[in-house]
C-alpha atoms as a PDB file:
ATOM      1  CA  MET A   1      14.134   8.569  -4.360  1.00  0.00           C
ATOM      2  CA  CYS A   2      10.845   6.712  -4.236  1.00  0.00           C
ATOM      3  CA  LEU A   3       9.143   5.870  -0.966  1.00  0.00           C
ATOM      4  CA  SER A   4       6.660   3.020  -1.173  1.00  0.00           C
ATOM      5  CA  ILE A   5       4.123   2.731   1.615  1.00  0.00           C
ATOM      6  CA  PRO A   6       2.573  -0.713   2.137  1.00  0.00           C
ATOM      7  CA  SER A   7      -0.996  -0.864   0.863  1.00  0.00           C
ATOM      8  CA  GLN A   8      -3.641  -3.455   1.662  1.00  0.00           C
ATOM      9  CA  VAL A   9      -5.742  -5.029  -1.089  1.00  0.00           C
ATOM     10  CA  PHE A  10      -9.302  -3.889  -0.447  1.00  0.00           C
ATOM     11  CA  GLU A  11     -11.092  -4.996  -3.628  1.00  0.00           C
ATOM     12  CA  ILE A  12     -10.140  -7.130  -6.646  1.00  0.00           C
ATOM     13  CA  HIS A  13     -11.212  -6.238 -10.205  1.00  0.00           C
ATOM     14  CA  GLN A  14     -10.229  -9.362 -12.141  1.00  0.00           C
ATOM     15  CA  ASP A  15     -11.814  -8.237 -15.408  1.00  0.00           C
ATOM     16  CA  GLU A  16      -9.606  -5.097 -15.383  1.00  0.00           C
ATOM     17  CA  GLU A  17      -6.447  -6.701 -13.939  1.00  0.00           C
ATOM     18  CA  SER A  18      -6.536  -4.151 -11.146  1.00  0.00           C
ATOM     19  CA  VAL A  19      -7.143  -3.900  -7.422  1.00  0.00           C
ATOM     20  CA  THR A  20      -8.352  -1.211  -5.064  1.00  0.00           C
ATOM     21  CA  VAL A  21      -5.884  -0.715  -2.228  1.00  0.00           C
ATOM     22  CA  ASP A  22      -6.002   1.124   1.076  1.00  0.00           C
ATOM     23  CA  THR A  23      -2.873   3.153   1.778  1.00  0.00           C
ATOM     24  CA  MET A  24      -3.131   4.586   5.279  1.00  0.00           C
ATOM     25  CA  GLY A  25      -6.827   5.330   4.822  1.00  0.00           C
ATOM     26  CA  VAL A  26      -6.652   6.470   1.201  1.00  0.00           C
ATOM     27  CA  LYS A  27      -8.263   4.094  -1.306  1.00  0.00           C
ATOM     28  CA  ARG A  28      -7.304   3.997  -4.985  1.00  0.00           C
ATOM     29  CA  LYS A  29      -7.406   1.619  -7.909  1.00  0.00           C
ATOM     30  CA  VAL A  30      -4.048   0.404  -9.254  1.00  0.00           C
ATOM     31  CA  SER A  31      -2.982  -2.036 -11.951  1.00  0.00           C
ATOM     32  CA  SER A  32      -2.095  -5.593 -10.945  1.00  0.00           C
ATOM     33  CA  HIS A  33      -1.225  -6.899 -14.407  1.00  0.00           C
ATOM     34  CA  LEU A  34       2.523  -7.038 -13.613  1.00  0.00           C
ATOM     35  CA  MET A  35       1.941  -9.522 -10.778  1.00  0.00           C
ATOM     36  CA  THR A  36       2.754 -13.141 -11.542  1.00  0.00           C
ATOM     37  CA  GLU A  37       1.103 -14.495  -8.392  1.00  0.00           C
ATOM     38  CA  PRO A  38      -2.582 -13.981  -7.614  1.00  0.00           C
ATOM     39  CA  LEU A  39      -3.591 -11.378  -5.042  1.00  0.00           C
ATOM     40  CA  LYS A  40      -6.178 -11.954  -2.319  1.00  0.00           C
ATOM     41  CA  LEU A  41      -8.218  -9.556  -0.230  1.00  0.00           C
ATOM     42  CA  GLY A  42      -6.127  -8.436   2.732  1.00  0.00           C
ATOM     43  CA  ASP A  43      -2.739  -8.955   1.025  1.00  0.00           C
ATOM     44  CA  TYR A  44      -0.180  -6.201   1.490  1.00  0.00           C
ATOM     45  CA  VAL A  45       1.555  -4.868  -1.595  1.00  0.00           C
ATOM     46  CA  LEU A  46       4.034  -2.213  -2.666  1.00  0.00           C
ATOM     47  CA  ILE A  47       3.051   0.113  -5.505  1.00  0.00           C
ATOM     48  CA  HIS A  48       5.161   2.130  -7.910  1.00  0.00           C
ATOM     49  CA  ILE A  49       3.620   4.657 -10.316  1.00  0.00           C
ATOM     50  CA  GLY A  50       0.220   2.995 -10.197  1.00  0.00           C
ATOM     51  CA  PHE A  51       1.371  -0.613 -10.548  1.00  0.00           C
ATOM     52  CA  VAL A  52       1.516  -3.334  -7.888  1.00  0.00           C
ATOM     53  CA  MET A  53       5.166  -4.382  -7.924  1.00  0.00           C
ATOM     54  CA  ASN A  54       5.214  -7.098  -5.271  1.00  0.00           C
ATOM     55  CA  LYS A  55       3.429  -8.631  -2.323  1.00  0.00           C
ATOM     56  CA  ILE A  56       4.962  -8.241   1.145  1.00  0.00           C
ATOM     57  CA  ASP A  57       4.654 -10.042   4.451  1.00  0.00           C
ATOM     58  CA  LYS A  58       1.842  -8.812   6.737  1.00  0.00           C
ATOM     59  CA  GLU A  59       4.127  -8.331   9.757  1.00  0.00           C
ATOM     60  CA  ASP A  60       6.668  -6.321   7.723  1.00  0.00           C
ATOM     61  CA  ALA A  61       3.876  -4.194   6.269  1.00  0.00           C
ATOM     62  CA  GLN A  62       2.396  -3.463   9.686  1.00  0.00           C
ATOM     63  CA  GLU A  63       5.806  -2.569  11.116  1.00  0.00           C
ATOM     64  CA  SER A  64       6.451  -0.160   8.228  1.00  0.00           C
ATOM     65  CA  LEU A  65       3.003   1.402   8.597  1.00  0.00           C
ATOM     66  CA  SER A  66       3.609   1.918  12.304  1.00  0.00           C
ATOM     67  CA  LEU A  67       6.859   3.749  11.542  1.00  0.00           C
ATOM     68  CA  TYR A  68       5.168   5.907   8.895  1.00  0.00           C
ATOM     69  CA  ARG A  69       2.464   6.864  11.389  1.00  0.00           C
ATOM     70  CA  GLU A  70       5.156   7.879  13.897  1.00  0.00           C
ATOM     71  CA  ILE A  71       6.850  10.033  11.269  1.00  0.00           C
ATOM     72  CA  VAL A  72       3.575  11.718  10.321  1.00  0.00           C
ATOM     73  CA  ALA A  73       2.763  12.376  13.987  1.00  0.00           C
ATOM     74  CA  LYS A  74       6.187  13.965  14.582  1.00  0.00           C
ATOM     75  CA  ILE A  75       5.874  16.165  11.493  1.00  0.00           C
ATOM     76  CA  GLU A  76       2.404  17.297  12.583  1.00  0.00           C
ATOM     77  CA  GLN A  77       3.696  17.995  16.084  1.00  0.00           C
ATOM     78  CA  GLU A  78       6.598  20.071  14.723  1.00  0.00           C
ATOM     79  CA  GLU A  79       4.245  22.055  12.485  1.00  0.00           C
ATOM     80  CA  GLN A  80       2.098  22.949  15.495  1.00  0.00           C
ATOM     81  CA  SER A  81       5.093  24.225  17.474  1.00  0.00           C
END
C-alpha cells in the first residue's frame, strides 16, 4: 500500500518540468511533467515515486497533514513509554 502525504509546491523549475515541494518540513525536487494543469507556488499536490500525480484542495491537504502530525505524535509518545 502506498501512503501519499500532501506536499506544498515551494519552487517551480519550468525548464526542467519539475517542482520543489515541502512535505512536512522535508524539501525535495520532483517531476511535474505528468501534470496537465499548471502548478503555482503554494499549491498542494500528491506525489507517487517522484512524480506529481495530482493537485488537491488546500483544506483537504491541511486536514490530512493535521492527521499525519497526530499519528506521528502518538507514535513518538508510544516509543518514549
